[in-house]
Amino acid sequence: MSGRRQRRRALGRGDLSVRLRALGWSLVFLAGGLGLSLALLRLIPATLRLAHGEALSLAALQAVVLLVAFGFLSWLVGGRVLRFRLADFGVVPAGPGVRRFGAGLLVGLGLAALAMIIAVPVGGAAWRDDGGAPGAWLTTVLATAALLLPAALAEELIFRGVPLVALSRAFGRWPALLGLAVLFGLAHLFNPGVTPLAVFNIALAGVFLGLAFFTPGGLWTSSGAHLGWNLGLAGLAAPVSGLPLPLPWLDYLPGGPRWLTGGPFGPEGGLLGSLCLAGGALLAARHMTRETLA
């Protein structure tokens, strides 16, 4: 056998080993974080009732537990085992990081608002005053942001954290990004009122957020965009991935048809949401950092 062929075969075995290692540790990260989250959820509510006399809302509790569990796994698998550095996740000092988070937040807010605004002339959507006060609306929006922030951070750690870095180094950015985006969509398969288009759109949101992760802002930008999209929907009184978050003062009537506006699932269930998320993905792709093998 020629020396060139031997080297090629050795390189092939090396690539296979790297890919299997990346897949294996990604599965350990995902399964370990899920298992740890379920274990904590079985223990924490009773502790909270004893300490405070009442349980936190289930949504807030789940978000915090997921953030803690996957934050710990990010340190253990990503930091201790795979030796990733904070820079590998785009985690920069707080000053630039907050600015990049803010940039992502504004883009997410703008895309969510755009999907709903376009639905007014083309789908007959409308807002109406339900008799509440604007001050109560603002207070509720701020409280909703506090609820949605840990949820956004947790989902970014899960789908745009350790697995995305590991798999992109082993397979390339696009295969890793698309694979995890599909998993992100499937993770919402049992949300209330979900449709095939809604699952597709959430996967498309995963592509948008994955591309945002590969901009210089890394997790700062993708987390800001994630929060911005969810908060934009909730703040304008639309359901978020099928989950209604009622607000005082403002009600949103989505109009129709459902395939266009999303109907009761929210804009993520309609074609207008698809177009806005695709636009966000194109915008993020223009700002991606150059891919390296580091």
Protein backbone atom coordinates (compact mmCIF):
# COMPACT_ATOMS: atom_id res chain seq x y z
CA MET A 1 0.00 0.00 0.00
CA SER A 2 1.36 3.43 -0.94
CA GLY A 3 2.29 5.92 1.75
CA ARG A 4 -0.31 8.37 0.43
CA ARG A 5 -3.09 5.81 0.73
CA GLN A 6 -2.00 4.90 4.26
CA ARG A 7 -2.05 8.54 5.29
CA ARG A 8 -5.49 8.99 3.75
CA ARG A 9 -6.84 5.97 5.60
CA ALA A 10 -5.33 7.18 8.87
CA LEU A 11 -6.90 10.59 8.36
CA GLY A 12 -10.27 8.92 7.68
CA ARG A 13 -10.03 6.95 10.91
CA GLY A 14 -9.11 10.13 12.73
CA ASP A 15 -12.13 11.98 11.32
CA LEU A 16 -14.41 9.12 12.32
CA SER A 17 -12.99 9.12 15.84
CA VAL A 18 -13.49 12.88 16.17
CA ARG A 19 -17.06 12.66 14.93
CA LEU A 20 -17.99 9.77 17.19
CA ARG A 21 -16.48 11.62 20.16
CA ALA A 22 -18.46 14.77 19.33
CA LEU A 23 -21.70 12.81 18.89
CA GLY A 24 -21.12 10.83 22.06
CA TRP A 25 -20.42 13.80 24.29
CA SER A 26 -23.29 15.77 22.76
CA LEU A 27 -25.66 12.93 23.65
CA VAL A 28 -24.19 12.76 27.15
CA PHE A 29 -24.73 16.50 27.51
CA LEU A 30 -28.34 16.40 26.31
CA ALA A 31 -29.36 13.24 28.15
CA GLY A 32 -27.48 14.21 31.30
CA GLY A 33 -29.01 17.68 31.40
CA LEU A 34 -32.50 16.28 30.86
CA GLY A 35 -32.04 13.64 33.54
CA LEU A 36 -30.64 16.14 36.03
CA SER A 37 -33.51 18.55 35.28
CA LEU A 38 -36.14 15.86 35.90
CA ALA A 39 -34.44 14.86 39.14
CA LEU A 40 -34.33 18.46 40.37
CA LEU A 41 -37.96 19.05 39.42
CA ARG A 42 -38.99 16.15 41.63
CA LEU A 43 -37.15 17.62 44.61
CA ILE A 44 -37.50 21.38 44.33
CA PRO A 45 -41.28 21.99 44.56
CA ALA A 46 -41.56 20.37 48.00
CA THR A 47 -38.57 22.37 49.20
CA LEU A 48 -40.10 25.60 47.91
CA ARG A 49 -43.41 24.90 49.63
CA LEU A 50 -41.62 24.32 52.92
CA ALA A 51 -39.50 27.45 52.58
CA HIS A 52 -42.00 29.90 51.13
CA GLY A 53 -45.42 28.39 51.69
CA GLU A 54 -46.18 28.27 47.95
CA ALA A 55 -44.72 26.86 44.74
CA LEU A 56 -43.34 29.04 41.97
CA SER A 57 -45.17 28.94 38.66
CA LEU A 58 -44.38 25.77 36.76
CA ALA A 59 -43.02 27.63 33.73
CA ALA A 60 -40.61 29.73 35.79
CA LEU A 61 -39.51 26.73 37.82
CA GLN A 62 -38.81 24.63 34.72
CA ALA A 63 -36.83 27.43 33.11
CA VAL A 64 -34.62 27.96 36.16
CA VAL A 65 -34.08 24.22 36.64
CA LEU A 66 -33.10 23.77 32.98
CA LEU A 67 -30.72 26.71 33.22
CA VAL A 68 -29.05 25.30 36.33
CA ALA A 69 -28.85 21.74 34.99
CA PHE A 70 -27.50 22.62 31.57
CA GLY A 71 -25.26 25.32 32.99
CA PHE A 72 -23.66 22.66 35.18
CA LEU A 73 -23.35 20.24 32.22
CA SER A 74 -21.82 23.02 30.12
CA TRP A 75 -19.11 23.41 32.74
CA LEU A 76 -18.63 19.67 33.22
CA VAL A 77 -18.78 18.38 29.63
CA GLY A 78 -17.80 21.52 27.77
CA GLY A 79 -15.21 22.89 30.16
CA ARG A 80 -13.75 19.92 31.99
CA VAL A 81 -14.03 17.15 29.40
CA LEU A 82 -13.89 18.85 25.99
CA ARG A 83 -11.74 21.75 27.20
CA PHE A 84 -13.80 24.43 25.51
CA ARG A 85 -13.02 28.00 26.48
CA LEU A 86 -15.51 30.80 27.05
CA ALA A 87 -14.29 32.33 23.80
CA ASP A 88 -15.50 29.22 21.95
CA PHE A 89 -19.05 30.30 22.86
CA GLY A 90 -18.48 33.95 21.98
CA VAL A 91 -18.61 34.88 25.67
CA VAL A 92 -16.76 38.18 25.74
CA PRO A 93 -16.40 40.72 28.58
CA ALA A 94 -19.62 42.15 29.95
CA GLY A 95 -19.45 45.53 28.21
CA PRO A 96 -19.26 44.30 24.60
CA GLY A 97 -21.38 41.29 25.54
CA VAL A 98 -24.28 43.40 26.77
CA ARG A 99 -24.14 45.48 23.57
CA ARG A 100 -24.27 42.32 21.46
CA PHE A 101 -27.08 40.94 23.58
CA GLY A 102 -28.93 44.20 23.02
CA ALA A 103 -28.36 44.01 19.27
CA GLY A 104 -29.79 40.50 19.18
CA LEU A 105 -32.69 41.59 21.37
CA LEU A 106 -33.61 44.42 19.00
CA VAL A 107 -33.46 42.13 15.96
CA GLY A 108 -35.68 39.54 17.66
CA LEU A 109 -38.18 42.18 18.79
CA GLY A 110 -38.28 43.69 15.32
CA LEU A 111 -38.86 40.38 13.55
CA ALA A 112 -41.67 39.38 15.92
CA ALA A 113 -43.38 42.75 15.58
CA LEU A 114 -42.98 42.66 11.80
CA ALA A 115 -44.69 39.28 11.52
CA MET A 116 -47.68 40.62 13.46
CA ILE A 117 -47.83 44.00 11.73
CA ILE A 118 -47.83 42.44 8.25
CA ALA A 119 -50.71 40.20 9.38
CA VAL A 120 -52.91 43.29 9.79
CA PRO A 121 -53.30 44.18 6.09
CA VAL A 122 -52.86 40.68 4.63
CA GLY A 123 -54.62 38.53 7.23
CA GLY A 124 -57.08 40.85 8.95
CA ALA A 125 -55.22 40.74 12.29
CA ALA A 126 -55.97 43.47 14.81
CA TRP A 127 -55.31 44.69 18.33
CA ARG A 128 -58.03 45.85 20.68
CA ASP A 129 -58.19 47.57 24.04
CA ASP A 130 -59.53 45.16 26.65
CA GLY A 131 -60.15 47.88 29.22
CA GLY A 132 -56.91 47.54 31.17
CA ALA A 133 -54.38 50.26 31.85
CA PRO A 134 -51.16 50.86 29.86
CA GLY A 135 -49.21 51.00 33.12
CA ALA A 136 -50.39 47.51 34.05
CA TRP A 137 -49.41 46.33 30.56
CA LEU A 138 -45.88 47.69 30.98
CA THR A 139 -45.49 46.09 34.41
CA THR A 140 -46.68 42.75 33.04
CA VAL A 141 -44.32 42.96 30.06
CA LEU A 142 -41.36 43.52 32.39
CA ALA A 143 -42.43 40.59 34.55
CA THR A 144 -42.85 38.47 31.41
CA ALA A 145 -39.33 39.41 30.31
CA ALA A 146 -38.00 38.21 33.67
CA LEU A 147 -39.84 34.92 33.11
CA LEU A 148 -38.71 34.47 29.51
CA LEU A 149 -35.04 35.34 30.08
CA PRO A 150 -33.99 32.15 31.93
CA ALA A 151 -36.02 30.09 29.46
CA ALA A 152 -34.19 31.68 26.52
CA LEU A 153 -30.79 31.25 28.17
CA ALA A 154 -31.52 27.60 28.98
CA GLU A 155 -32.60 26.77 25.43
CA GLU A 156 -29.54 28.52 24.04
CA LEU A 157 -27.26 26.45 26.28
CA ILE A 158 -29.04 23.29 25.17
CA PHE A 159 -29.19 23.86 21.41
CA ARG A 160 -26.54 26.51 20.72
CA GLY A 161 -24.03 25.63 23.43
CA VAL A 162 -21.79 22.61 23.89
CA PRO A 163 -23.45 20.41 21.22
CA LEU A 164 -23.23 23.08 18.52
CA VAL A 165 -19.57 23.81 19.22
CA ALA A 166 -18.63 20.13 19.42
CA LEU A 167 -20.60 19.02 16.36
CA SER A 168 -19.59 22.00 14.21
CA ARG A 169 -15.93 21.21 14.81
CA ALA A 170 -16.46 17.58 13.89
CA PHE A 171 -18.93 17.89 10.99
CA GLY A 172 -18.83 21.54 9.94
CA ARG A 173 -21.12 24.39 10.86
CA TRP A 174 -24.06 23.71 8.56
CA PRO A 175 -24.60 20.01 9.33
CA ALA A 176 -24.36 20.75 13.07
CA LEU A 177 -26.59 23.81 12.87
CA LEU A 178 -29.28 22.11 10.78
CA GLY A 179 -29.28 18.94 12.87
CA LEU A 180 -29.74 20.83 16.12
CA ALA A 181 -32.34 23.12 14.52
CA VAL A 182 -34.43 20.04 13.63
CA LEU A 183 -34.05 18.81 17.21
CA PHE A 184 -35.11 22.26 18.44
CA GLY A 185 -38.27 22.04 16.36
CA LEU A 186 -39.08 18.52 17.51
CA ALA A 187 -38.64 19.59 21.14
CA HIS A 188 -41.81 21.70 20.69
CA LEU A 189 -43.80 18.89 19.11
CA PHE A 190 -46.24 18.64 22.02
CA ASN A 191 -46.92 22.35 22.49
CA PRO A 192 -50.63 23.29 22.48
CA GLY A 193 -52.09 23.62 18.99
CA VAL A 194 -48.87 22.69 17.21
CA THR A 195 -48.97 22.05 13.45
CA PRO A 196 -46.36 20.77 10.96
CA LEU A 197 -45.76 24.35 9.80
CA ALA A 198 -45.25 25.45 13.41
CA VAL A 199 -42.62 22.73 13.94
CA PHE A 200 -40.93 23.79 10.71
CA ASN A 201 -40.93 27.43 11.80
CA ILE A 202 -39.44 26.63 15.19
CA ALA A 203 -36.73 24.64 13.41
CA LEU A 204 -36.23 27.69 11.17
CA ALA A 205 -35.92 29.79 14.32
CA GLY A 206 -33.21 27.32 15.38
CA VAL A 207 -31.36 28.06 12.13
CA PHE A 208 -31.69 31.80 12.75
CA LEU A 209 -30.42 31.49 16.32
CA GLY A 210 -27.63 29.11 15.29
CA LEU A 211 -26.42 31.61 12.72
CA ALA A 212 -26.65 34.35 15.36
CA PHE A 213 -24.45 32.17 17.59
CA PHE A 214 -21.79 32.15 14.87
CA THR A 215 -21.66 35.94 14.74
CA PRO A 216 -19.02 37.68 16.89
CA GLY A 217 -21.59 37.98 19.71
CA GLY A 218 -21.91 34.21 20.17
CA LEU A 219 -24.24 33.21 23.00
CA TRP A 220 -24.77 36.86 23.88
CA THR A 221 -26.34 37.58 20.49
CA SER A 222 -28.30 34.35 20.11
CA SER A 223 -29.73 34.66 23.63
CA GLY A 224 -30.72 38.26 23.00
CA ALA A 225 -32.39 37.35 19.70
CA HIS A 226 -34.19 34.43 21.35
CA LEU A 227 -35.51 36.60 24.15
CA GLY A 228 -36.38 39.39 21.72
CA TRP A 229 -38.48 37.13 19.49
CA ASN A 230 -40.38 35.60 22.42
CA LEU A 231 -40.85 38.91 24.22
CA GLY A 232 -41.93 40.65 21.03
CA LEU A 233 -44.71 38.11 20.58
CA ALA A 234 -45.73 38.13 24.25
CA GLY A 235 -45.53 41.91 24.59
CA LEU A 236 -47.88 42.35 21.65
CA ALA A 237 -50.30 39.82 23.17
CA ALA A 238 -49.65 36.87 20.83
CA PRO A 239 -49.10 33.28 22.02
CA VAL A 240 -45.47 32.16 22.21
CA SER A 241 -45.08 28.74 20.56
CA GLY A 242 -48.74 28.03 21.29
CA LEU A 243 -48.56 29.20 24.92
CA PRO A 244 -50.82 32.20 25.66
CA LEU A 245 -49.44 34.82 28.04
CA PRO A 246 -52.40 37.13 28.77
CA LEU A 247 -51.69 40.84 29.12
CA PRO A 248 -53.79 43.67 30.52
CA TRP A 249 -54.90 46.45 28.18
CA LEU A 250 -53.97 44.73 24.90
CA ASP A 251 -55.54 41.78 23.05
CA TYR A 252 -54.33 40.44 19.69
CA LEU A 253 -56.73 38.97 17.14
CA PRO A 254 -54.61 36.98 14.64
CA GLY A 255 -57.06 36.98 11.74
CA GLY A 256 -56.57 34.26 9.15
CA PRO A 257 -56.17 31.95 7.46
CA ARG A 258 -54.26 30.03 10.09
CA TRP A 259 -51.54 28.89 7.69
CA LEU A 260 -50.77 32.55 6.98
CA THR A 261 -50.98 34.24 10.39
CA GLY A 262 -50.49 31.27 12.73
CA GLY A 263 -53.91 31.56 14.35
CA PRO A 264 -54.08 30.47 18.00
CA PHE A 265 -50.52 29.08 17.94
CA GLY A 266 -49.13 32.55 17.37
CA PRO A 267 -47.07 33.89 14.45
CA GLU A 268 -44.68 30.93 14.68
CA GLY A 269 -47.48 28.83 13.22
CA GLY A 270 -47.90 30.84 10.01
CA LEU A 271 -46.18 31.64 6.75
CA LEU A 272 -45.61 35.26 7.77
CA GLY A 273 -43.56 33.97 10.68
CA SER A 274 -41.61 31.78 8.25
CA LEU A 275 -40.72 34.78 6.09
CA CYS A 276 -39.60 36.91 9.04
CA LEU A 277 -37.49 34.13 10.55
CA ALA A 278 -35.92 33.45 7.17
CA GLY A 279 -35.11 37.15 6.93
CA GLY A 280 -33.50 37.00 10.36
CA ALA A 281 -31.42 34.01 9.28
CA LEU A 282 -30.19 35.85 6.19
CA LEU A 283 -29.29 38.88 8.30
CA ALA A 284 -27.36 36.74 10.80
CA ALA A 285 -25.60 34.84 7.99
CA ARG A 286 -24.19 38.13 6.68
CA HIS A 287 -22.46 38.71 10.02
CA MET A 288 -21.10 35.21 10.64
CA THR A 289 -17.47 34.92 11.63
CA ARG A 290 -15.17 32.98 9.35
CA GLU A 291 -15.21 29.23 10.01
CA THR A 292 -11.99 27.73 11.31
CA LEU A 293 -10.88 24.28 12.39
CA ALA A 294 -9.81 25.49 15.85
